[in-house]
Structures are given as structure tokens and as C-alpha cells.
């Protein structure tokens, strides 16, 4: 089995296409199960955010996996394959690990270094676990990626390199409205992005923050945390009449703020709307209304926000790239070493079988050997076998951690006719293997 990533992002596709491919809610659950049911896919998780849709999978072969994922994305989105494939990128095996770590550290985001991706990946993993589509391979990979992302944000200043999407949007809002101190804001939604929006608005000096959400209790919790007030989603139109800034990110999958709704709100001052949802929360038609400015992901992409923010010279970016590089090497080394362990265990189990067989044969042929002598002979034979196996097994583990190291395990299996999947062999050799790993030498060498 091998790791595979197939995806598209703000770097490879227009927002309009990302919007069509993005999946949330029940559609996301169905896509997970449809992918998992394919004969080439054994594990799958999907990271679907405002600027990327990526499928991470464990597959039995490259071409079969790529075809399965591409066909499923096309079927679920309604985008023809020939149109979709022009914007897809594919990573396989080691490149999956490097790409995933880079993404979770915020180096591949529209707003360089943004930390929201950590929560988004955590949610993606949790959903895949709940739906039973992520097994040990993807769970280990994602958990490691999250730890790397947290390390990057803790040990470097990557958070300061690029502003978040909210920060970028509010910069544009100030160009339209002037300083935000004393302005009134409406936040539609109560998820992680909405929470970030509310906090950022407060820091910018916005004095009246209103939170609207389909679930009022969640709106109330968020509003309380920023000293604002909560309203029902049905009250959005009323709040539009007094708001200066509206930030919407609900994940509803359909328009929440329509052109007619905004038009009906009697206003005497400019209105700035920031739509961070994918698909859109705000009808693009509001741009035709006098005094209304709409900024969404597509317009930010067209304006070039998020492109080239590091200039390749940022110390923080360089530091994060160094962390990613080191963590990728360590992850791959550990994975390669782990793959040879069943073969080493099988070799020790086979050796143990030979020892037991020969001791049994000796007892049968020379029954007059007393118990003490029999014990000494048995111990000597086992010690000889342990010493003969110690150096080759230590060396093959070390070699297996290098690129193409799996060839050494293959050679060992071929030379000794080993089957590392035999349960009996694994069970009988596990204790001896653990002892050898712990001491770094054969257990009999101290005697």
C-alpha cells in the first residue's frame, strides 16, 4: 500500500472551480465512503477548505488510485474530468508527506503562515475517523503533520509573515470605510473562521460586534467571548441596516445574503461585505447595489493576495522550511525502519524454530542427558544463534531507514524464505525482538 494525494488549490485553480469541487456536510461524508469503497483505496480523508480540496488516501497502486479519486471528484462536483484534471496536482509516497507537512505549516496557504489550517486538518481527520475511512496509516500521518504544524507556529514567527484572510479582508475594508475604530460589524457564522473574524474585528477597534448563526447557542458563545451580542440567522436582514462591515463564513453551501436582502436594508452609509465561504455565502450580485462593496475569495485571488508574500527571503519561512525538511526525513526514516521489523521478527522466529527442533532431536537421540546439561546445551545453541543474527538484523534495520531501503528487507525474505505475516512466528519472536531493540545487542552477551 502507498500514500497518494490528489487535489487542487488556489495555486492551481480559479476560485469558481474550487467552489464547484468543494464538499461539506453530508456530501463530504458520502464522498469519503464512495472513495473508500473503491477497490484501489484502503484509507481516505479529505481536506476541504476555502482555498483547497485535497484527497489523502492509501492505495494499492498509483494509476488505479489516481483514476478512482479523479473520477469520484468529477462525479460529485459535476465538473467534467477533462476540465478538472487540468487543475489537479498529484503527489505520491514521500512527496505526500512533504506536501502535507508544508500545507499544515501554512506555507501553501493563500495567506502565508495562517494557522486556521491546523484546525481544519484536525476536523478532517476527526470526520474520517468517525466515518471509519481513516486507518492507522492516515491517522499516524495526520497526527504527525499536526505536531509539525504546531511546532512551526510555536518555534518560529511564521504567523507574522502573512496576515490571515480576515486580516487581508479588513485591510481592504479600511480602504473603503477608513479606520475601523467605532464601526459596527456583523459576523455570520460561528465556526473557527468566524471566531477568528470576531476576534480580529475586536482588535481592530470595532465597538459593536453582532454574531448570527443557524444555531443560536453557538452564536451566543462566540458573541460573549468578544463582548458582542447574538441574533438569530433570520435577523441578518435587520442587522444589515446598521452594520458597516459584514463577514460571512457559514459553510451553508448556498447563498445566505442575497442581493434583494441587501437591497431591502435601508442604508445611508457604505457597506463592506467580506465573503470567506466556499461556496459563496453572499450573492455576487450585491456589487451592483450603490454603496456596497463585496470582497470574496475570488476577488482576493484576482488581486494577487497571498502570492509571493515571503519573497523567498523571510527568516521565518526559511526556519519553517527547515523544520519541515527535518521532520519529513525523520518520518520517512521511521516508516522505512518499521517496515522491516516484521521481516526481522520472522527471521528470529524461524531461527527459534530451528533451535527448538534441533534441541528436541538431541534429546530424542541422547535421552540420558540430564536436565542441567540439557539446559546448558540449549542455552549455548540459543546464544550462538543470537550472536549470528544480531549484526545482520541491526544492520538491515539501519539500511532499511535509507531511501530504497525496502530492498534489503526483500533480500532477507528471499534469502531465508521468510513469511513475515505468519501470526505464530510474530507471536513467538516478539519478546526476543523487543529485548534486542532495548539493549542494542543479543540478550545472552552479558553471560
Protein backbone atom coordinates (compact mmCIF):
# COMPACT_ATOMS: atom_id res chain seq x y z
CA UNK A 1 0.00 0.00 0.00
CA UNK A 2 1.18 3.54 -0.82
CA UNK A 3 0.25 7.12 0.06
CA UNK A 4 -1.44 9.29 -2.57
CA UNK A 5 -2.67 12.88 -2.66
CA UNK A 6 -4.87 14.32 -5.41
CA UNK A 7 -6.04 17.89 -5.06
CA UNK A 8 -6.48 21.41 -6.32
CA UNK A 9 -5.93 24.73 -4.58
CA UNK A 10 -5.88 28.48 -5.09
CA UNK A 11 -2.48 27.98 -6.72
CA UNK A 12 -3.77 25.68 -9.45
CA UNK A 13 -7.46 26.53 -9.96
CA UNK A 14 -9.74 29.58 -10.13
CA UNK A 15 -11.99 30.10 -7.13
CA UNK A 16 -15.05 29.45 -9.29
CA UNK A 17 -13.82 25.92 -9.94
CA UNK A 18 -12.78 25.39 -6.30
CA UNK A 19 -16.27 26.42 -5.32
CA UNK A 20 -17.78 23.71 -7.52
CA UNK A 21 -15.46 20.99 -6.23
CA UNK A 22 -15.63 21.93 -2.52
CA UNK A 23 -17.60 19.47 -0.38
CA UNK A 24 -19.16 19.91 3.05
CA UNK A 25 -21.68 18.22 5.31
CA UNK A 26 -23.47 15.13 4.01
CA UNK A 27 -21.83 15.47 0.59
CA UNK A 28 -18.41 15.21 2.20
CA UNK A 29 -19.43 12.12 4.16
CA UNK A 30 -20.77 10.48 1.00
CA UNK A 31 -17.60 11.26 -0.94
CA UNK A 32 -15.50 9.72 1.83
CA UNK A 33 -17.47 6.48 1.71
CA UNK A 34 -17.62 6.38 -2.09
CA UNK A 35 -13.84 6.71 -2.28
CA UNK A 36 -13.27 4.15 0.47
CA UNK A 37 -15.47 1.63 -1.36
CA UNK A 38 -13.21 1.69 -4.43
CA UNK A 39 -11.13 -1.46 -4.84
CA UNK A 40 -7.88 0.50 -5.02
CA UNK A 41 -8.43 2.59 -1.87
CA UNK A 42 -7.97 1.25 1.66
CA UNK A 43 -7.98 4.55 3.62
CA UNK A 44 -9.09 8.09 2.79
CA UNK A 45 -9.51 11.54 4.33
CA UNK A 46 -10.47 14.82 2.65
CA UNK A 47 -9.24 18.32 3.46
CA UNK A 48 -11.80 20.75 2.01
CA UNK A 49 -11.25 24.42 2.94
CA UNK A 50 -11.86 27.83 1.43
CA UNK A 51 -8.82 27.56 -0.82
CA UNK A 52 -8.11 23.85 -1.30
CA UNK A 53 -9.72 20.45 -1.81
CA UNK A 54 -7.32 17.56 -1.24
CA UNK A 55 -7.87 13.82 -1.03
CA UNK A 56 -5.33 11.86 1.03
CA UNK A 57 -5.51 8.12 0.50
CA UNK A 58 -3.73 4.84 0.96
CA UNK A 59 -3.92 2.95 -2.33
CA UNK A 60 -2.70 -0.35 -3.70
CA UNK A 61 -1.36 1.14 -6.95
CA UNK A 62 -0.68 4.60 -8.31
CA UNK A 63 -2.67 4.71 -11.54
CA UNK A 64 -5.67 2.91 -10.10
CA UNK A 65 -5.75 5.31 -7.13
CA UNK A 66 -5.41 8.47 -9.24
CA UNK A 67 -8.15 7.32 -11.62
CA UNK A 68 -10.50 6.45 -8.76
CA UNK A 69 -10.07 9.79 -6.99
CA UNK A 70 -10.31 11.85 -10.18
CA UNK A 71 -13.44 10.09 -11.38
CA UNK A 72 -15.09 10.46 -7.96
CA UNK A 73 -14.26 14.17 -7.66
CA UNK A 74 -15.67 14.71 -11.13
CA UNK A 75 -18.85 12.77 -10.39
CA UNK A 76 -19.51 14.55 -7.09
CA UNK A 77 -18.76 18.05 -8.37
CA UNK A 78 -20.28 17.75 -11.82
CA UNK A 79 -17.05 19.11 -13.34
CA UNK A 80 -16.05 17.10 -16.45
CA UNK A 81 -12.85 15.12 -15.96
CA UNK A 82 -11.05 16.78 -18.87
CA UNK A 83 -11.70 20.18 -17.27
CA UNK A 84 -10.87 19.03 -13.74
CA UNK A 85 -7.59 17.26 -14.49
CA UNK A 86 -6.01 20.45 -15.90
CA UNK A 87 -6.07 21.91 -12.40
CA UNK A 88 -5.21 18.82 -10.31
CA UNK A 89 -1.87 18.07 -8.71
CA UNK A 90 -0.80 14.59 -7.66
CA UNK A 91 1.73 13.55 -5.01
CA UNK A 92 2.84 10.00 -4.29
CA UNK A 93 4.64 8.32 -1.40
CA UNK A 94 7.42 10.58 0.02
CA UNK A 95 6.06 13.67 -1.77
CA UNK A 96 2.72 13.21 0.05
CA UNK A 97 4.45 13.58 3.41
CA UNK A 98 6.40 16.65 2.32
CA UNK A 99 3.31 18.31 0.81
CA UNK A 100 1.09 17.57 3.82
CA UNK A 101 3.61 18.93 6.32
CA UNK A 102 4.03 22.05 4.16
CA UNK A 103 0.28 22.58 3.99
CA UNK A 104 -0.28 22.17 7.73
CA UNK A 105 2.50 24.66 8.50
CA UNK A 106 0.66 27.28 6.41
CA UNK A 107 3.35 27.54 3.72
CA UNK A 108 0.90 26.64 0.95
CA UNK A 109 -1.95 28.90 2.09
CA UNK A 110 -3.33 31.98 0.34
CA UNK A 111 -2.41 33.91 3.47
CA UNK A 112 1.10 32.61 4.15
CA UNK A 113 1.54 31.16 7.63
CA UNK A 114 -2.16 31.25 8.61
CA UNK A 115 -2.91 28.93 11.50
CA UNK A 116 -6.53 28.03 10.67
CA UNK A 117 -5.33 25.11 8.56
CA UNK A 118 -4.34 23.28 11.76
CA UNK A 119 -7.94 23.22 12.96
CA UNK A 120 -9.24 22.38 9.51
CA UNK A 121 -6.96 19.36 9.16
CA UNK A 122 -7.85 18.28 12.70
CA UNK A 123 -11.55 18.40 11.77
CA UNK A 124 -10.90 16.49 8.53
CA UNK A 125 -9.09 13.73 10.43
CA UNK A 126 -11.81 13.55 13.08
CA UNK A 127 -14.51 13.16 10.43
CA UNK A 128 -12.57 10.43 8.62
CA UNK A 129 -12.05 8.62 11.93
CA UNK A 130 -15.74 8.90 12.84
CA UNK A 131 -16.75 7.57 9.42
CA UNK A 132 -14.21 4.74 9.59
CA UNK A 133 -12.37 5.76 6.42
CA UNK A 134 -9.05 6.64 8.09
CA UNK A 135 -6.96 3.80 9.45
CA UNK A 136 -3.58 3.64 11.15
CA UNK A 137 -1.62 4.94 8.15
CA UNK A 138 -3.53 8.20 7.62
CA UNK A 139 -4.09 8.66 11.33
CA UNK A 140 -0.34 8.46 12.01
CA UNK A 141 0.45 10.76 9.07
CA UNK A 142 -2.12 13.40 10.03
CA UNK A 143 -1.23 13.34 13.72
CA UNK A 144 2.44 13.80 12.84
CA UNK A 145 1.56 16.63 10.41
CA UNK A 146 -0.42 18.40 13.13
CA UNK A 147 2.51 18.12 15.54
CA UNK A 148 4.84 19.54 12.87
CA UNK A 149 2.43 22.40 12.21
CA UNK A 150 2.16 23.20 15.90
CA UNK A 151 5.95 23.12 16.22
CA UNK A 152 6.31 25.51 13.28
CA UNK A 153 3.91 28.03 14.81
CA UNK A 154 5.47 27.67 18.28
CA UNK A 155 9.14 27.87 17.33
CA UNK A 156 9.03 30.46 14.53
CA UNK A 157 7.32 33.73 13.67
CA UNK A 158 5.52 32.27 10.68
CA UNK A 159 2.21 33.65 11.99
CA UNK A 160 3.55 37.18 11.46
CA UNK A 161 4.82 36.61 7.93
CA UNK A 162 1.46 36.75 6.23
CA UNK A 163 -1.82 38.08 7.51
CA UNK A 164 -4.82 35.81 7.69
CA UNK A 165 -7.59 36.04 5.12
CA UNK A 166 -9.56 38.02 7.68
CA UNK A 167 -6.71 40.47 8.11
CA UNK A 168 -6.36 40.85 4.36
CA UNK A 169 -10.09 41.47 4.04
CA UNK A 170 -10.12 44.08 6.81
CA UNK A 171 -7.22 45.88 5.17
CA UNK A 172 -9.43 46.27 2.11
CA UNK A 173 -12.33 47.30 4.34
CA UNK A 174 -10.26 50.20 5.73
CA UNK A 175 -9.57 51.36 2.20
CA UNK A 176 -13.32 51.70 1.69
CA UNK A 177 -14.51 52.76 5.13
CA UNK A 178 -11.48 54.34 6.71
CA UNK A 179 -10.30 53.34 10.21
CA UNK A 180 -12.48 50.61 11.74
CA UNK A 181 -12.43 52.04 15.26
CA UNK A 182 -16.00 52.66 16.37
CA UNK A 183 -17.55 50.82 13.40
CA UNK A 184 -20.30 48.20 13.70
CA UNK A 185 -19.80 44.66 12.39
CA UNK A 186 -21.97 41.65 11.66
CA UNK A 187 -20.38 38.18 11.67
CA UNK A 188 -22.49 35.49 10.00
CA UNK A 189 -21.49 32.01 11.16
CA UNK A 190 -19.92 30.71 14.36
CA UNK A 191 -17.19 28.34 13.19
CA UNK A 192 -13.43 28.70 13.56
CA UNK A 193 -13.09 31.27 10.76
CA UNK A 194 -15.98 33.29 12.18
CA UNK A 195 -14.39 33.19 15.63
CA UNK A 196 -11.13 34.48 14.17
CA UNK A 197 -13.09 37.21 12.37
CA UNK A 198 -14.79 38.34 15.57
CA UNK A 199 -11.51 38.47 17.50
CA UNK A 200 -9.75 40.33 14.67
CA UNK A 201 -12.60 42.85 14.46
CA UNK A 202 -12.33 43.48 18.19
CA UNK A 203 -8.59 44.05 17.95
CA UNK A 204 -9.19 46.49 15.09
CA UNK A 205 -11.34 48.62 17.39
CA UNK A 206 -14.81 47.64 16.20
CA UNK A 207 -17.12 48.54 19.10
CA UNK A 208 -20.33 46.67 18.23
CA UNK A 209 -19.99 43.05 17.05
CA UNK A 210 -23.12 41.06 16.26
CA UNK A 211 -22.94 37.31 15.62
CA UNK A 212 -25.67 35.49 13.68
CA UNK A 213 -25.78 31.74 13.31
CA UNK A 214 -28.19 28.95 12.47
CA UNK A 215 -27.62 27.56 15.98
CA UNK A 216 -28.25 30.44 18.34
CA UNK A 217 -26.37 28.87 21.27
CA UNK A 218 -23.13 28.83 19.28
CA UNK A 219 -23.68 32.43 18.21
CA UNK A 220 -24.23 33.41 21.84
CA UNK A 221 -20.99 31.73 22.99
CA UNK A 222 -18.95 33.46 20.31
CA UNK A 223 -20.60 36.84 20.89
CA UNK A 224 -19.97 36.60 24.63
CA UNK A 225 -16.29 35.86 24.07
CA UNK A 226 -15.80 39.18 22.21
CA UNK A 227 -18.24 41.30 24.21
CA UNK A 228 -20.81 41.34 21.43
CA UNK A 229 -24.37 40.17 21.06
CA UNK A 230 -26.02 37.26 19.29
CA UNK A 231 -29.02 37.17 16.97
CA UNK A 232 -30.89 34.53 15.03
CA UNK A 233 -29.93 33.91 11.42
CA UNK A 234 -33.34 35.23 10.41
CA UNK A 235 -32.35 38.63 11.86
CA UNK A 236 -29.47 39.18 9.43
CA UNK A 237 -31.51 41.43 7.13
CA UNK A 238 -32.42 43.72 10.03
CA UNK A 239 -28.79 43.93 11.18
CA UNK A 240 -27.64 44.88 7.69
CA UNK A 241 -29.27 48.29 8.10
CA UNK A 242 -26.81 49.38 10.80
CA UNK A 243 -23.66 47.33 10.01
CA UNK A 244 -20.58 48.86 8.43
CA UNK A 245 -18.74 45.56 7.95
CA UNK A 246 -20.21 42.11 7.32
CA UNK A 247 -18.05 38.96 7.40
CA UNK A 248 -19.75 35.74 6.38
CA UNK A 249 -18.40 32.20 6.54
CA UNK A 250 -21.14 29.68 7.26
CA UNK A 251 -20.33 26.65 5.12
CA UNK A 252 -24.04 26.51 4.26
CA UNK A 253 -23.32 25.57 0.67
CA UNK A 254 -25.78 28.16 -0.69
CA UNK A 255 -26.36 31.92 -0.65
CA UNK A 256 -27.13 33.29 2.82
CA UNK A 257 -27.06 37.01 1.98
CA UNK A 258 -28.87 37.73 -1.28
CA UNK A 259 -28.95 40.82 -3.44
CA UNK A 260 -32.59 41.51 -2.66
CA UNK A 261 -31.94 41.18 1.08
CA UNK A 262 -29.18 43.79 0.96
CA UNK A 263 -31.26 45.99 -1.31
CA UNK A 264 -34.18 45.99 1.11
CA UNK A 265 -31.99 47.12 4.01
CA UNK A 266 -32.47 50.90 4.17
CA UNK A 267 -28.99 52.44 4.41
CA UNK A 268 -27.41 55.86 4.45
CA UNK A 269 -23.76 54.76 4.66
CA UNK A 270 -21.36 52.44 2.79
CA UNK A 271 -21.44 48.70 3.42
CA UNK A 272 -18.43 46.40 3.12
CA UNK A 273 -19.05 42.66 2.82
CA UNK A 274 -16.27 40.06 3.19
CA UNK A 275 -17.33 36.59 1.98
CA UNK A 276 -14.91 33.90 3.16
CA UNK A 277 -17.17 30.95 2.38
CA UNK A 278 -16.73 28.33 -0.29
CA UNK A 279 -19.25 28.04 -1.93
CA UNK A 280 -20.30 31.70 -1.68
CA UNK A 281 -22.40 32.96 1.22
CA UNK A 282 -23.03 36.32 -0.46
CA UNK A 283 -24.67 36.74 -3.85
CA UNK A 284 -22.10 38.39 -6.17
CA UNK A 285 -24.99 40.49 -7.49
CA UNK A 286 -24.74 42.78 -4.43
CA UNK A 287 -21.87 44.51 -6.24
CA UNK A 288 -24.46 46.21 -8.43
CA UNK A 289 -26.02 47.99 -5.45
CA UNK A 290 -24.94 51.58 -4.70
CA UNK A 291 -22.63 52.00 -1.73
CA UNK A 292 -21.97 48.26 -1.42
CA UNK A 293 -18.51 46.67 -1.74
CA UNK A 294 -18.08 42.90 -1.83
CA UNK A 295 -14.73 41.16 -1.42
CA UNK A 296 -14.65 37.38 -1.72
CA UNK A 297 -12.03 34.71 -2.21
CA UNK A 298 -12.17 35.07 -5.97
CA UNK A 299 -11.56 38.82 -5.94
CA UNK A 300 -8.70 38.40 -3.45
CA UNK A 301 -7.18 35.77 -5.70
CA UNK A 302 -7.50 38.02 -8.75
CA UNK A 303 -5.90 40.87 -6.81
CA UNK A 304 -2.92 38.63 -6.06
CA UNK A 305 -3.28 38.50 -2.28
CA UNK A 306 -1.17 35.68 -0.83
CA UNK A 307 1.15 35.45 -3.83
CA UNK A 308 4.85 35.86 -3.18
CA UNK A 309 4.46 37.12 0.34
CA UNK A 310 7.66 35.57 1.57
CA UNK A 311 9.82 36.66 -1.32
CA UNK A 312 11.95 33.58 -0.63
CA UNK A 313 14.00 35.59 1.88
CA UNK A 314 11.99 35.52 5.10
CA UNK A 315 13.88 34.12 8.07
CA UNK A 316 10.63 32.73 9.45
CA UNK A 317 9.76 30.96 6.22
CA UNK A 318 13.29 29.56 5.98
CA UNK A 319 13.02 28.33 9.57
CA UNK A 320 9.72 26.58 8.90
CA UNK A 321 11.04 25.00 5.72
CA UNK A 322 13.98 23.69 7.74
CA UNK A 323 11.58 22.19 10.31
CA UNK A 324 9.51 20.58 7.55
CA UNK A 325 12.60 19.13 5.88
CA UNK A 326 13.91 17.62 9.12
CA UNK A 327 10.52 16.26 10.15
CA UNK A 328 9.92 14.70 6.73
CA UNK A 329 13.28 12.92 6.89
CA UNK A 330 12.59 11.65 10.39
CA UNK A 331 9.07 10.46 9.50
CA UNK A 332 10.26 8.61 6.39
CA UNK A 333 13.22 7.09 8.28
CA UNK A 334 10.91 5.76 10.98
CA UNK A 335 8.40 4.45 8.43
CA UNK A 336 11.08 2.61 6.47
CA UNK A 337 12.57 1.13 9.61
CA UNK A 338 9.14 -0.01 10.78
CA UNK A 339 8.50 -1.81 7.50
CA UNK A 340 11.49 -4.12 8.03
CA UNK A 341 10.51 -5.06 11.60
CA UNK A 342 8.07 -7.87 10.60
CA UNK A 343 10.82 -9.41 8.45
CA UNK A 344 13.34 -9.28 11.32
CA UNK A 345 10.78 -10.83 13.65
CA UNK A 346 10.07 -13.57 11.12
CA UNK A 347 13.80 -14.31 10.84
CA UNK A 348 14.15 -14.62 14.62
CA UNK A 349 11.04 -16.80 14.76
CA UNK A 350 12.44 -19.09 12.09
CA UNK A 351 15.74 -19.31 13.98
CA UNK A 352 13.86 -20.12 17.19
CA UNK A 353 12.03 -22.93 15.38
CA UNK A 354 15.32 -24.39 14.16
CA UNK A 355 16.79 -24.22 17.67
CA UNK A 356 13.78 -25.94 19.26
CA UNK A 357 13.74 -28.62 16.57
CA UNK A 358 17.43 -29.41 16.99
CA UNK A 359 17.20 -29.48 20.80
CA UNK A 360 14.25 -31.85 20.55
CA UNK A 361 16.18 -34.07 18.17
CA UNK A 362 19.20 -34.11 20.52
CA UNK A 363 17.03 -35.14 23.49
CA UNK A 364 15.48 -37.93 21.41
CA UNK A 365 18.83 -39.25 20.22
CA UNK A 366 20.66 -38.88 23.57
CA UNK A 367 17.93 -39.35 26.22
CA UNK A 368 20.48 -39.95 29.02
CA UNK A 369 21.46 -36.25 29.07
CA UNK A 370 20.47 -34.89 32.48
CA UNK A 371 18.42 -31.74 32.92
CA UNK A 372 21.30 -29.45 33.90
CA UNK A 373 23.43 -30.45 30.90
CA UNK A 374 20.43 -30.20 28.58
CA UNK A 375 19.87 -26.64 29.84
CA UNK A 376 23.50 -25.67 29.25
CA UNK A 377 23.41 -27.08 25.71
CA UNK A 378 20.14 -25.32 24.92
CA UNK A 379 21.45 -22.02 26.23
CA UNK A 380 24.67 -22.34 24.22
CA UNK A 381 22.78 -23.05 20.99
CA UNK A 382 20.47 -20.08 21.54
CA UNK A 383 23.44 -17.82 22.35
CA UNK A 384 25.22 -18.83 19.14
CA UNK A 385 22.08 -18.15 17.07
CA UNK A 386 21.51 -14.79 18.79
CA UNK A 387 25.07 -13.70 18.11
CA UNK A 388 24.90 -14.77 14.48
CA UNK A 389 21.62 -12.89 13.93
CA UNK A 390 22.41 -9.78 15.94
CA UNK A 391 24.65 -7.90 13.49
CA UNK A 392 22.62 -8.71 10.33
CA UNK A 393 19.33 -7.66 11.95
CA UNK A 394 20.77 -4.43 13.38
CA UNK A 395 22.39 -3.64 10.03
CA UNK A 396 19.27 -4.39 7.95
CA UNK A 397 17.22 -2.06 10.18
CA UNK A 398 19.78 0.69 9.69
CA UNK A 399 19.89 0.16 5.94
CA UNK A 400 16.10 -0.05 5.71
CA UNK A 401 15.83 3.53 7.03
CA UNK A 402 17.61 4.81 3.90
CA UNK A 403 15.89 5.52 0.56
CA UNK A 404 15.02 2.28 -1.28
CA UNK A 405 15.76 0.50 2.00
CA UNK A 406 12.86 -1.88 1.47
CA UNK A 407 15.08 -3.78 -0.96
CA UNK A 408 17.19 -5.02 1.95
CA UNK A 409 14.14 -6.48 3.66
CA UNK A 410 13.16 -8.09 0.36
CA UNK A 411 16.60 -9.68 0.06
CA UNK A 412 16.35 -11.02 3.62
CA UNK A 413 12.95 -12.55 2.92
CA UNK A 414 14.21 -14.14 -0.27
CA UNK A 415 17.43 -15.50 1.22
CA UNK A 416 15.76 -17.09 4.25
CA UNK A 417 12.36 -17.86 2.67
CA UNK A 418 10.56 -15.77 5.28
CA UNK A 419 6.88 -15.02 5.64
CA UNK A 420 6.55 -12.01 7.98
CA UNK A 421 2.75 -12.35 8.05
CA UNK A 422 2.61 -15.69 9.86
CA UNK A 423 0.92 -14.89 13.22
CA UNK A 424 2.56 -17.74 15.08
CA UNK A 425 6.00 -16.54 14.05
CA UNK A 426 5.33 -12.99 15.10
CA UNK A 427 3.95 -14.02 18.49
CA UNK A 428 6.87 -16.29 19.34
CA UNK A 429 9.54 -13.77 18.37
CA UNK A 430 8.14 -10.50 19.72
CA UNK A 431 9.71 -10.76 23.18
CA UNK A 432 13.16 -11.54 21.86
CA UNK A 433 12.86 -8.70 19.34
CA UNK A 434 11.91 -6.17 22.00
CA UNK A 435 14.82 -7.25 24.19
CA UNK A 436 17.25 -6.88 21.32
CA UNK A 437 15.92 -3.43 20.42
CA UNK A 438 16.13 -2.27 24.03
CA UNK A 439 19.69 -3.36 24.73
CA UNK A 440 21.04 -2.93 21.25
CA UNK A 441 22.62 -6.39 21.45
CA UNK A 442 21.82 -10.01 21.97
CA UNK A 443 20.35 -10.81 25.41
CA UNK A 444 22.89 -13.62 26.00
CA UNK A 445 26.02 -11.48 25.58
CA UNK A 446 26.15 -10.47 29.27
CA UNK A 447 26.73 -14.03 30.43
